[in-house]
N, C-alpha and C. Protein backbone atom coordinates (compact mmCIF):
# COMPACT_ATOMS: atom_id res chain seq x y z
N MET A 1 110.70 118.02 67.19
CA MET A 1 111.78 117.41 67.79
C MET A 1 112.80 117.11 66.77
N CYS A 2 114.10 117.31 66.95
CA CYS A 2 115.16 116.91 66.12
C CYS A 2 115.79 115.34 66.37
N ILE A 3 116.33 114.97 65.48
CA ILE A 3 116.69 113.34 65.79
C ILE A 3 117.56 113.43 66.79
N ARG A 4 118.66 114.24 67.06
CA ARG A 4 119.40 113.96 68.17
C ARG A 4 118.62 114.00 69.51
N ASP A 5 117.46 114.63 69.80
CA ASP A 5 116.60 114.73 70.91
C ASP A 5 116.01 113.26 71.17
N ARG A 6 115.77 112.55 69.92
CA ARG A 6 115.17 111.29 70.20
C ARG A 6 116.03 110.40 70.78
N TYR A 7 117.46 110.38 70.68
CA TYR A 7 118.40 109.63 71.36
C TYR A 7 118.93 110.10 72.78
N ARG A 8 118.38 111.27 73.22
CA ARG A 8 119.02 111.86 74.44
C ARG A 8 118.50 110.96 75.54
N SER A 9 119.29 110.63 76.52
CA SER A 9 118.74 109.75 77.68
C SER A 9 118.03 110.65 78.57
N ASP A 10 117.01 109.82 79.41
CA ASP A 10 116.23 110.75 80.26
C ASP A 10 116.77 110.24 81.69
N PRO A 11 117.06 111.05 82.32
CA PRO A 11 117.59 110.64 83.87
C PRO A 11 116.58 109.80 84.54
N TRP A 12 115.36 110.23 84.60
CA TRP A 12 114.30 109.51 85.46
C TRP A 12 114.16 108.10 84.78
N VAL A 13 114.09 107.77 83.47
CA VAL A 13 114.14 106.61 82.82
C VAL A 13 115.41 105.81 83.21
N SER A 14 116.50 106.45 83.04
CA SER A 14 117.82 105.87 83.22
C SER A 14 117.90 105.31 84.56
N ALA A 15 117.41 106.21 85.51
CA ALA A 15 117.49 105.63 87.01
C ALA A 15 116.62 104.42 87.27
N TYR A 16 115.45 104.44 86.48
CA TYR A 16 114.45 103.28 86.67
C TYR A 16 115.29 102.05 86.31
N ALA A 17 115.91 102.08 85.01
CA ALA A 17 116.63 101.21 84.24
C ALA A 17 117.76 100.46 85.19
N LEU A 18 118.50 101.48 85.96
CA LEU A 18 119.66 101.13 86.75
C LEU A 18 119.09 100.60 87.96
N PHE A 19 117.92 100.99 88.58
CA PHE A 19 117.16 100.21 89.82
C PHE A 19 116.79 98.77 89.24
N GLY A 20 116.23 98.69 88.10
CA GLY A 20 115.77 97.24 87.55
C GLY A 20 117.02 96.40 87.36
N LEU A 21 118.18 97.00 86.82
CA LEU A 21 119.32 96.14 86.66
C LEU A 21 119.80 95.72 88.02
N ALA A 22 119.88 96.60 89.06
CA ALA A 22 120.39 96.12 90.33
C ALA A 22 119.54 95.20 91.12
N MET A 23 118.22 95.29 90.95
CA MET A 23 117.38 94.25 91.44
C MET A 23 117.63 92.89 90.89
N ALA A 24 117.83 93.04 89.41
CA ALA A 24 117.86 91.66 88.69
C ALA A 24 119.43 91.04 89.16
N LYS A 25 120.15 91.68 89.37
CA LYS A 25 121.45 91.32 89.69
C LYS A 25 121.48 90.74 91.13
N GLU A 26 120.88 91.61 92.12
CA GLU A 26 120.64 91.08 93.38
C GLU A 26 119.91 89.64 93.43
N HIS A 27 118.97 89.35 92.49
CA HIS A 27 118.34 88.21 92.53
C HIS A 27 118.81 87.28 91.63
N GLY A 28 120.06 87.28 91.45
CA GLY A 28 120.98 86.29 90.57
C GLY A 28 120.83 86.08 89.05
N ARG A 29 120.15 87.32 88.55
CA ARG A 29 119.96 87.32 87.04
C ARG A 29 121.34 87.91 86.52
N PHE A 30 121.62 87.34 85.26
CA PHE A 30 122.93 88.19 84.55
C PHE A 30 122.66 89.44 84.23
N VAL A 31 123.51 90.28 84.61
CA VAL A 31 123.48 91.76 84.11
C VAL A 31 124.97 91.99 83.57
N PRO A 32 124.81 92.60 82.36
CA PRO A 32 126.21 92.75 81.78
C PRO A 32 127.18 93.56 82.74
N PRO A 33 128.33 93.10 82.84
CA PRO A 33 129.34 93.70 84.05
C PRO A 33 129.34 95.23 83.89
N ASP A 34 129.36 95.80 82.84
CA ASP A 34 129.46 97.24 82.81
C ASP A 34 128.29 98.11 82.78
N ALA A 35 127.29 97.34 82.57
CA ALA A 35 125.89 98.08 82.59
C ALA A 35 125.64 99.00 83.67
N ILE A 36 125.96 98.55 84.86
CA ILE A 36 125.66 99.05 86.23
C ILE A 36 126.68 100.24 86.34
N ALA A 37 128.01 100.16 86.17
CA ALA A 37 128.75 101.09 86.25
C ALA A 37 128.61 102.25 85.07
N GLN A 38 128.19 101.85 83.89
CA GLN A 38 127.84 102.98 82.96
C GLN A 38 126.87 103.70 83.21
N ALA A 39 125.75 103.33 83.75
CA ALA A 39 124.66 103.86 84.19
C ALA A 39 124.66 104.86 85.36
N THR A 40 125.63 104.22 86.33
CA THR A 40 125.89 104.98 87.57
C THR A 40 126.86 106.33 87.08
N ARG A 41 127.71 106.06 86.33
CA ARG A 41 128.49 107.37 85.72
C ARG A 41 127.51 108.34 85.13
N TYR A 42 126.66 107.83 84.33
CA TYR A 42 125.82 108.66 83.62
C TYR A 42 124.94 109.59 84.77
N LEU A 43 124.37 108.93 85.65
CA LEU A 43 123.61 109.48 86.51
C LEU A 43 124.35 110.33 87.52
N ARG A 44 125.54 110.21 87.78
CA ARG A 44 126.35 111.23 88.58
C ARG A 44 126.65 112.44 87.70
N THR A 45 126.66 112.20 86.23
CA THR A 45 127.05 113.38 85.62
C THR A 45 125.72 114.22 85.51
N VAL A 46 124.47 113.61 85.46
CA VAL A 46 123.24 114.19 85.60
C VAL A 46 123.09 115.01 86.95
N LEU A 47 123.43 114.64 88.07
CA LEU A 47 123.41 115.11 89.23
C LEU A 47 124.27 116.37 89.13
N ALA A 48 125.52 116.48 88.71
CA ALA A 48 126.33 117.68 88.73
C ALA A 48 125.87 118.56 87.82
N GLN A 49 124.78 118.31 86.92
CA GLN A 49 124.28 119.36 86.02
C GLN A 49 122.73 119.61 86.42
N LYS A 50 122.23 119.32 87.31
CA LYS A 50 120.98 119.48 87.72
C LYS A 50 121.01 121.03 88.50
N SER A 51 119.78 121.66 88.00
CA SER A 51 119.21 122.95 88.95
C SER A 51 118.38 122.64 90.03
N VAL A 52 117.97 123.56 90.69
CA VAL A 52 117.08 123.32 91.87
C VAL A 52 115.71 123.60 91.59
N GLU A 53 115.20 123.38 90.45
CA GLU A 53 113.81 123.66 90.14
C GLU A 53 112.99 122.40 90.76
N SER A 54 111.77 122.53 91.16
CA SER A 54 111.13 121.39 92.24
C SER A 54 111.13 120.05 91.46
N VAL A 55 110.64 120.01 90.02
CA VAL A 55 110.68 118.71 89.48
C VAL A 55 112.06 118.15 89.20
N GLN A 56 113.14 118.96 88.88
CA GLN A 56 114.35 118.41 88.88
C GLN A 56 114.87 118.14 90.12
N LEU A 57 114.50 118.56 91.34
CA LEU A 57 115.08 118.34 92.61
C LEU A 57 114.37 117.03 93.08
N SER A 58 113.07 116.83 92.72
CA SER A 58 112.56 115.54 92.85
C SER A 58 113.16 114.46 92.08
N GLN A 59 113.58 114.76 90.86
CA GLN A 59 114.18 113.72 89.99
C GLN A 59 115.66 113.52 90.72
N SER A 60 116.23 114.31 91.16
CA SER A 60 117.64 114.22 91.97
C SER A 60 117.36 113.30 93.17
N ALA A 61 116.24 113.48 93.79
CA ALA A 61 115.94 112.41 94.96
C ALA A 61 116.02 111.11 94.64
N PHE A 62 115.28 110.78 93.56
CA PHE A 62 115.05 109.44 93.01
C PHE A 62 116.53 109.03 92.56
N VAL A 63 117.26 109.83 91.83
CA VAL A 63 118.65 109.40 91.31
C VAL A 63 119.44 109.04 92.43
N LEU A 64 119.42 109.77 93.65
CA LEU A 64 120.13 109.60 94.79
C LEU A 64 119.81 108.37 95.37
N ASP A 65 118.43 108.05 95.63
CA ASP A 65 117.97 106.80 96.11
C ASP A 65 118.59 105.61 95.33
N VAL A 66 118.47 105.78 93.92
CA VAL A 66 119.07 104.64 93.09
C VAL A 66 120.50 104.38 93.28
N LEU A 67 121.24 105.41 93.35
CA LEU A 67 122.80 105.39 93.40
C LEU A 67 123.04 104.85 94.85
N THR A 68 122.31 105.07 95.81
CA THR A 68 122.51 104.24 97.07
C THR A 68 122.27 103.04 97.11
N VAL A 69 121.12 102.53 96.32
CA VAL A 69 120.67 101.04 96.10
C VAL A 69 121.98 100.43 95.48
N VAL A 70 122.52 100.95 94.44
CA VAL A 70 123.65 100.35 93.92
C VAL A 70 124.95 100.32 94.42
N GLY A 71 124.97 100.94 95.64
CA GLY A 71 126.26 100.97 96.47
C GLY A 71 127.00 102.24 95.97
N SER A 72 126.43 103.30 95.60
CA SER A 72 127.51 104.32 95.05
C SER A 72 126.79 105.67 95.66
N PRO A 73 126.41 105.90 97.00
CA PRO A 73 125.74 106.79 97.39
C PRO A 73 126.71 108.24 97.29
N ASP A 74 125.85 109.44 97.24
CA ASP A 74 126.40 110.66 97.21
C ASP A 74 126.15 111.57 98.30
N PRO A 75 126.80 111.43 99.49
CA PRO A 75 126.26 112.18 100.56
C PRO A 75 126.39 113.65 100.47
N GLY A 76 127.45 114.22 99.63
CA GLY A 76 127.43 115.61 99.35
C GLY A 76 126.12 116.22 98.75
N TYR A 77 125.54 115.64 97.58
CA TYR A 77 124.45 115.94 97.04
C TYR A 77 123.45 115.59 98.01
N MET A 78 123.12 114.55 98.80
CA MET A 78 121.95 114.30 99.38
C MET A 78 121.73 115.40 100.45
N THR A 79 122.96 115.89 100.86
CA THR A 79 122.91 117.19 101.77
C THR A 79 122.25 118.37 101.24
N ARG A 80 122.84 118.56 99.87
CA ARG A 80 122.12 119.54 98.96
C ARG A 80 120.78 119.39 99.07
N VAL A 81 120.26 118.44 98.44
CA VAL A 81 118.84 118.33 98.39
C VAL A 81 118.12 118.18 99.74
N PHE A 82 118.76 117.62 100.81
CA PHE A 82 118.08 117.76 102.04
C PHE A 82 117.88 119.06 102.40
N GLU A 83 118.88 120.01 102.29
CA GLU A 83 118.78 121.61 102.68
C GLU A 83 117.43 122.17 101.89
N GLN A 84 116.87 121.69 100.94
CA GLN A 84 115.87 122.00 100.05
C GLN A 84 114.58 121.17 100.42
N ARG A 85 114.58 120.39 101.22
CA ARG A 85 113.45 119.30 101.51
C ARG A 85 112.20 119.88 101.55
N LYS A 86 111.88 121.12 101.95
CA LYS A 86 110.58 121.62 102.30
C LYS A 86 109.97 122.00 100.81
N SER A 87 110.70 122.01 99.83
CA SER A 87 110.07 122.27 98.44
C SER A 87 109.93 121.05 97.60
N LEU A 88 110.34 119.92 98.17
CA LEU A 88 110.16 118.52 97.60
C LEU A 88 108.47 118.05 98.02
N PRO A 89 108.16 117.32 96.96
CA PRO A 89 106.76 116.56 97.36
C PRO A 89 106.97 115.46 98.31
N ILE A 90 106.18 114.82 98.89
CA ILE A 90 106.31 113.73 100.04
C ILE A 90 107.14 112.67 99.46
N PHE A 91 106.71 112.07 98.22
CA PHE A 91 107.48 111.12 97.84
C PHE A 91 108.78 111.36 97.43
N SER A 92 109.23 112.41 97.11
CA SER A 92 110.72 112.80 97.07
C SER A 92 111.22 112.75 98.29
N ARG A 93 110.68 113.36 99.32
CA ARG A 93 111.38 113.27 100.64
C ARG A 93 111.50 111.77 101.12
N ALA A 94 110.42 111.03 100.87
CA ALA A 94 110.65 109.62 101.35
C ALA A 94 111.70 108.97 100.49
N LEU A 95 111.91 109.18 99.33
CA LEU A 95 113.04 108.65 98.40
C LEU A 95 114.37 109.08 99.24
N LEU A 96 114.61 110.42 99.46
CA LEU A 96 115.66 110.88 100.10
C LEU A 96 116.13 110.46 101.47
N ALA A 97 114.85 110.01 102.11
CA ALA A 97 114.99 109.49 103.47
C ALA A 97 115.60 107.95 103.40
N HIS A 98 115.01 107.28 102.56
CA HIS A 98 115.63 105.82 101.99
C HIS A 98 116.99 106.07 101.79
N ALA A 99 117.34 106.91 101.00
CA ALA A 99 118.84 107.19 100.39
C ALA A 99 119.65 107.42 101.74
N MET A 100 119.27 108.16 102.57
CA MET A 100 119.98 108.71 103.65
C MET A 100 119.88 107.79 104.89
N ALA A 101 119.14 106.73 104.94
CA ALA A 101 119.12 105.80 106.04
C ALA A 101 120.26 105.32 106.48
N LYS A 102 121.09 104.74 105.76
CA LYS A 102 122.55 104.25 106.10
C LYS A 102 123.55 105.24 106.06
N THR A 103 123.61 106.24 105.27
CA THR A 103 124.77 107.14 105.29
C THR A 103 124.69 108.25 106.15
N GLN A 104 123.33 108.96 106.42
CA GLN A 104 123.10 110.14 107.30
C GLN A 104 121.83 109.91 108.09
N PRO A 105 122.11 108.86 109.02
CA PRO A 105 120.70 108.47 109.66
C PRO A 105 120.05 109.39 110.58
N LYS A 106 120.74 110.56 111.01
CA LYS A 106 120.25 111.77 111.82
C LYS A 106 119.38 112.60 110.77
N GLU A 107 119.77 112.79 109.57
CA GLU A 107 118.88 113.71 108.67
C GLU A 107 117.73 112.77 108.29
N ALA A 108 117.75 111.47 108.07
CA ALA A 108 116.81 110.44 107.42
C ALA A 108 115.75 110.45 108.67
N ALA A 109 116.17 110.52 110.04
CA ALA A 109 115.21 110.32 111.14
C ALA A 109 114.30 111.58 110.88
N GLU A 110 114.95 112.79 110.63
CA GLU A 110 114.33 114.21 110.42
C GLU A 110 113.22 114.13 109.29
N LEU A 111 113.67 113.49 108.22
CA LEU A 111 112.80 113.38 107.20
C LEU A 111 111.51 112.42 107.51
N LEU A 112 111.99 111.32 108.21
CA LEU A 112 111.00 110.44 108.59
C LEU A 112 109.84 111.16 109.60
N ALA A 113 110.21 111.87 110.53
CA ALA A 113 109.48 112.58 111.48
C ALA A 113 108.52 113.58 110.57
N ASP A 114 108.94 114.18 109.47
CA ASP A 114 108.14 114.90 108.72
C ASP A 114 107.12 114.03 107.86
N LEU A 115 107.57 112.87 107.35
CA LEU A 115 106.76 111.89 106.75
C LEU A 115 105.56 111.53 107.63
N GLU A 116 105.85 111.25 108.72
CA GLU A 116 104.74 110.84 109.75
C GLU A 116 103.71 111.71 109.84
N THR A 117 103.80 113.12 109.66
CA THR A 117 102.95 114.18 109.86
C THR A 117 101.83 114.04 108.73
N HIS A 118 102.34 113.30 107.52
CA HIS A 118 101.32 113.31 106.46
C HIS A 118 100.73 111.96 106.19
N LEU A 119 100.69 111.11 107.39
CA LEU A 119 99.91 109.96 107.21
C LEU A 119 98.54 110.35 107.63
N ARG A 120 97.61 109.49 106.73
CA ARG A 120 96.10 109.74 107.06
C ARG A 120 95.82 108.46 107.85
N VAL A 121 95.51 108.30 108.91
CA VAL A 121 95.25 107.08 109.70
C VAL A 121 93.77 106.92 109.75
N THR A 122 93.22 105.69 109.20
CA THR A 122 92.03 105.16 109.38
C THR A 122 91.91 103.99 110.36
N PRO A 123 90.55 103.67 110.61
CA PRO A 123 90.64 102.39 111.49
C PRO A 123 90.99 101.11 110.71
N THR A 124 91.17 101.23 109.37
CA THR A 124 91.71 99.93 108.65
C THR A 124 93.15 100.10 108.06
N GLY A 125 93.71 101.43 108.42
CA GLY A 125 94.95 101.41 107.77
C GLY A 125 95.59 102.81 107.82
N ALA A 126 96.46 103.12 107.04
CA ALA A 126 97.05 104.60 106.87
C ALA A 126 97.64 104.70 105.48
N THR A 127 97.49 105.85 105.20
CA THR A 127 97.96 106.18 103.59
C THR A 127 98.56 107.75 103.77
N VAL A 128 99.09 107.77 102.64
CA VAL A 128 99.61 109.15 102.50
C VAL A 128 98.89 110.14 101.23
N VAL A 129 98.57 111.25 101.68
CA VAL A 129 97.80 111.88 100.59
C VAL A 129 98.37 113.17 100.56
N GLU A 130 98.56 113.61 99.16
CA GLU A 130 99.04 114.92 98.88
C GLU A 130 98.63 115.30 97.44
N ASN A 131 97.85 116.32 97.51
CA ASN A 131 97.25 116.88 96.22
C ASN A 131 98.34 117.42 95.27
N LEU A 132 98.87 117.10 94.45
CA LEU A 132 99.80 117.88 93.66
C LEU A 132 99.18 118.26 92.14
N GLY A 133 98.17 117.58 91.81
CA GLY A 133 97.66 118.06 90.49
C GLY A 133 98.50 117.11 89.62
N ASP A 134 98.92 117.61 88.42
CA ASP A 134 99.64 116.94 87.38
C ASP A 134 101.23 117.37 87.33
N GLU A 135 101.36 118.30 88.24
CA GLU A 135 102.72 118.74 88.27
C GLU A 135 103.80 117.51 88.27
N TYR A 136 103.65 116.47 88.74
CA TYR A 136 104.47 115.38 89.09
C TYR A 136 103.96 114.15 88.20
N ALA A 137 103.22 114.22 87.46
CA ALA A 137 102.64 113.02 86.53
C ALA A 137 103.80 112.59 85.76
N ALA A 138 104.67 113.27 85.29
CA ALA A 138 105.98 112.58 84.43
C ALA A 138 106.73 111.92 85.31
N LEU A 139 106.71 111.99 86.49
CA LEU A 139 107.64 111.08 87.52
C LEU A 139 106.63 110.17 88.16
N LEU A 140 105.47 109.73 87.57
CA LEU A 140 104.60 108.77 87.96
C LEU A 140 104.12 108.98 89.43
N ASP A 141 103.67 110.17 89.70
CA ASP A 141 103.24 110.27 91.14
C ASP A 141 101.79 109.80 91.23
N SER A 142 101.29 109.17 92.23
CA SER A 142 99.98 108.73 92.60
C SER A 142 99.89 108.42 94.15
N GLU A 143 98.85 108.51 94.90
CA GLU A 143 98.70 108.31 96.13
C GLU A 143 99.17 106.98 96.55
N ALA A 144 98.94 105.74 95.88
CA ALA A 144 99.40 104.52 96.26
C ALA A 144 100.92 104.56 96.18
N ARG A 145 101.48 104.98 95.05
CA ARG A 145 102.98 105.09 94.88
C ARG A 145 103.65 105.84 95.95
N THR A 146 103.06 106.85 96.28
CA THR A 146 103.50 107.84 97.55
C THR A 146 103.70 106.94 98.92
N THR A 147 102.48 106.24 99.05
CA THR A 147 102.43 105.66 100.19
C THR A 147 103.38 104.43 100.42
N ALA A 148 103.53 103.81 99.17
CA ALA A 148 104.54 102.70 99.08
C ALA A 148 105.93 103.17 99.42
N ILE A 149 106.07 104.24 98.87
CA ILE A 149 107.62 104.98 98.96
C ILE A 149 107.74 105.35 100.49
N VAL A 150 106.61 105.85 100.92
CA VAL A 150 106.82 106.37 102.41
C VAL A 150 107.06 105.13 103.34
N LEU A 151 106.45 103.97 103.10
CA LEU A 151 106.63 102.69 103.77
C LEU A 151 108.00 102.23 103.66
N ARG A 152 108.40 102.21 102.47
CA ARG A 152 109.77 101.72 102.21
C ARG A 152 110.75 102.74 102.95
N ALA A 153 110.66 103.77 102.96
CA ALA A 153 111.68 104.62 103.58
C ALA A 153 111.51 104.46 105.14
N LEU A 154 110.45 104.34 105.74
CA LEU A 154 109.98 104.28 107.15
C LEU A 154 110.60 102.96 107.67
N VAL A 155 110.52 101.83 106.92
CA VAL A 155 111.22 100.61 107.49
C VAL A 155 112.64 100.64 107.10
N ALA A 156 113.19 101.53 106.30
CA ALA A 156 114.65 101.60 106.14
C ALA A 156 115.31 102.22 107.17
N VAL A 157 114.46 103.36 107.70
CA VAL A 157 115.04 104.25 108.91
C VAL A 157 114.73 103.66 110.09
N ASP A 158 113.54 102.79 110.22
CA ASP A 158 113.21 102.10 111.63
C ASP A 158 112.44 100.87 111.32
N PRO A 159 113.20 99.73 111.25
CA PRO A 159 112.40 98.50 110.51
C PRO A 159 111.42 98.08 111.70
N LYS A 160 111.17 98.59 112.91
CA LYS A 160 110.11 98.40 113.75
C LYS A 160 109.16 99.25 113.98
N HIS A 161 109.30 100.30 112.94
CA HIS A 161 108.30 101.45 113.18
C HIS A 161 106.78 100.93 113.54
N ALA A 162 106.24 101.65 114.28
CA ALA A 162 104.89 101.27 114.88
C ALA A 162 103.88 101.41 113.89
N MET A 163 104.14 102.27 112.81
CA MET A 163 103.28 102.46 111.80
C MET A 163 103.32 101.50 110.43
N ALA A 164 104.28 100.78 110.33
CA ALA A 164 104.55 99.95 109.08
C ALA A 164 103.41 99.09 108.93
N GLY A 165 102.68 98.47 109.76
CA GLY A 165 101.99 97.49 109.57
C GLY A 165 100.54 98.17 109.10
N ARG A 166 100.23 99.39 109.58
CA ARG A 166 98.87 100.16 109.18
C ARG A 166 99.12 100.71 107.85
N ILE A 167 100.40 101.16 107.58
CA ILE A 167 100.55 101.64 106.19
C ILE A 167 100.49 100.42 105.07
N ALA A 168 100.96 99.17 105.56
CA ALA A 168 100.81 98.18 104.50
C ALA A 168 99.43 97.68 104.32
N LYS A 169 98.62 97.91 105.41
CA LYS A 169 97.10 97.61 105.34
C LYS A 169 96.45 98.66 104.46
N GLY A 170 96.87 100.02 104.63
CA GLY A 170 96.48 100.99 103.84
C GLY A 170 96.80 100.72 102.34
N LEU A 171 97.86 100.24 102.19
CA LEU A 171 98.17 99.83 100.57
C LEU A 171 97.45 98.88 100.17
N LEU A 172 97.18 97.86 100.91
CA LEU A 172 96.27 96.69 100.61
C LEU A 172 94.92 97.20 100.17
N SER A 173 94.34 98.04 100.95
CA SER A 173 93.03 98.64 100.77
C SER A 173 92.97 99.50 99.44
N MET A 174 93.99 99.95 98.96
CA MET A 174 94.15 100.83 97.73
C MET A 174 94.08 99.91 96.59
N ARG A 175 94.19 98.41 96.61
CA ARG A 175 94.32 97.79 95.45
C ARG A 175 92.93 97.78 94.69
N THR A 176 92.89 97.78 93.45
CA THR A 176 91.73 97.49 92.54
C THR A 176 91.09 96.08 92.78
N LYS A 177 90.00 95.99 93.05
CA LYS A 177 89.33 94.74 93.33
C LYS A 177 89.24 94.08 91.98
N LEU A 178 90.17 93.28 91.65
CA LEU A 178 90.10 92.61 90.34
C LEU A 178 88.94 91.61 90.02
N SER A 179 88.60 90.94 91.33
CA SER A 179 87.37 90.07 91.40
C SER A 179 86.07 90.65 90.79
N LEU A 180 86.02 91.88 90.95
CA LEU A 180 84.82 92.61 90.44
C LEU A 180 84.84 92.88 88.87
N ILE A 181 85.95 92.76 88.62
CA ILE A 181 86.02 93.17 86.95
C ILE A 181 86.01 91.79 86.35
N HIS A 182 85.11 91.64 85.39
CA HIS A 182 84.89 90.52 84.70
C HIS A 182 85.30 90.70 83.36
N ILE A 183 86.38 89.77 82.92
CA ILE A 183 86.87 89.93 81.71
C ILE A 183 86.61 88.56 80.86
N SER A 184 85.79 88.63 79.95
CA SER A 184 85.55 87.40 79.39
C SER A 184 86.14 87.23 77.85
N GLU A 185 86.69 86.06 77.61
CA GLU A 185 87.19 85.86 76.19
C GLU A 185 86.00 85.47 75.30
N PRO A 186 86.16 86.21 74.03
CA PRO A 186 85.00 85.79 73.24
C PRO A 186 85.15 84.20 72.88
N THR A 187 84.04 83.52 72.71
CA THR A 187 83.88 82.15 72.46
C THR A 187 84.68 81.99 71.02
N ARG A 188 85.17 80.90 70.90
CA ARG A 188 85.77 80.65 69.59
C ARG A 188 85.13 79.45 68.84
N PRO A 189 84.76 79.51 67.63
CA PRO A 189 84.08 78.28 67.16
C PRO A 189 85.02 77.26 66.81
N TYR A 190 84.54 76.04 67.28
CA TYR A 190 85.45 74.84 67.08
C TYR A 190 84.85 73.96 65.91
C-alpha cells in the first residue's frame, strides 16, 4: 500500500461519519458548521463516480440514505439504483426504501412490498434472513443489522405497519443474553 492510499477516504466510512454528525447535530451537539456540507459534497462526488457492481451499488444505497437524512436527497441517483434493485441485498433495498420514503413514495412502497416477502415470522416475532456469506462483510452485514434496517424502512414508509411490532420483538430476541455471561474482575490485594 502506498502512502497516498492510506489517506484516501472511504465512502462507506465517510457516510457513517456523516450520519453520526447529523445525529449529533439533531440532538443538540456542536458540529462544525462546514463538516456536514463538506461530507455531503464528497459523497455526491463519490456517487457520480460509482459503477454498478453489486457491492458498490449497495454502498450507493447507504450513501443515498445518509444524504437524504441530512436533507440533501438525490432522486435521480435513487432512481438509477431503484432500477437495479433486484441485484441489491435486502439491507440495501431497505436503505433505499428509507431514502425514498419521502421523495419517491410509490417506489418506496414497491420496495417495502418486496422486503415483506423476506420476513421470517415466528410465534415470538419476525426477522429477516438472507445468506450472503462474506460478500458484504465489509459493509457490516448481519442478520440483526438487516432486520433493524428493514424495520427502520418499514416505519418510514408506513408508520403504522402491522409487522413493525413483531419485527421489533424479533430484534429483541436476537440480543445476546448478557446476564448469562459472567465477567469477573480479578481481586486486588489491599
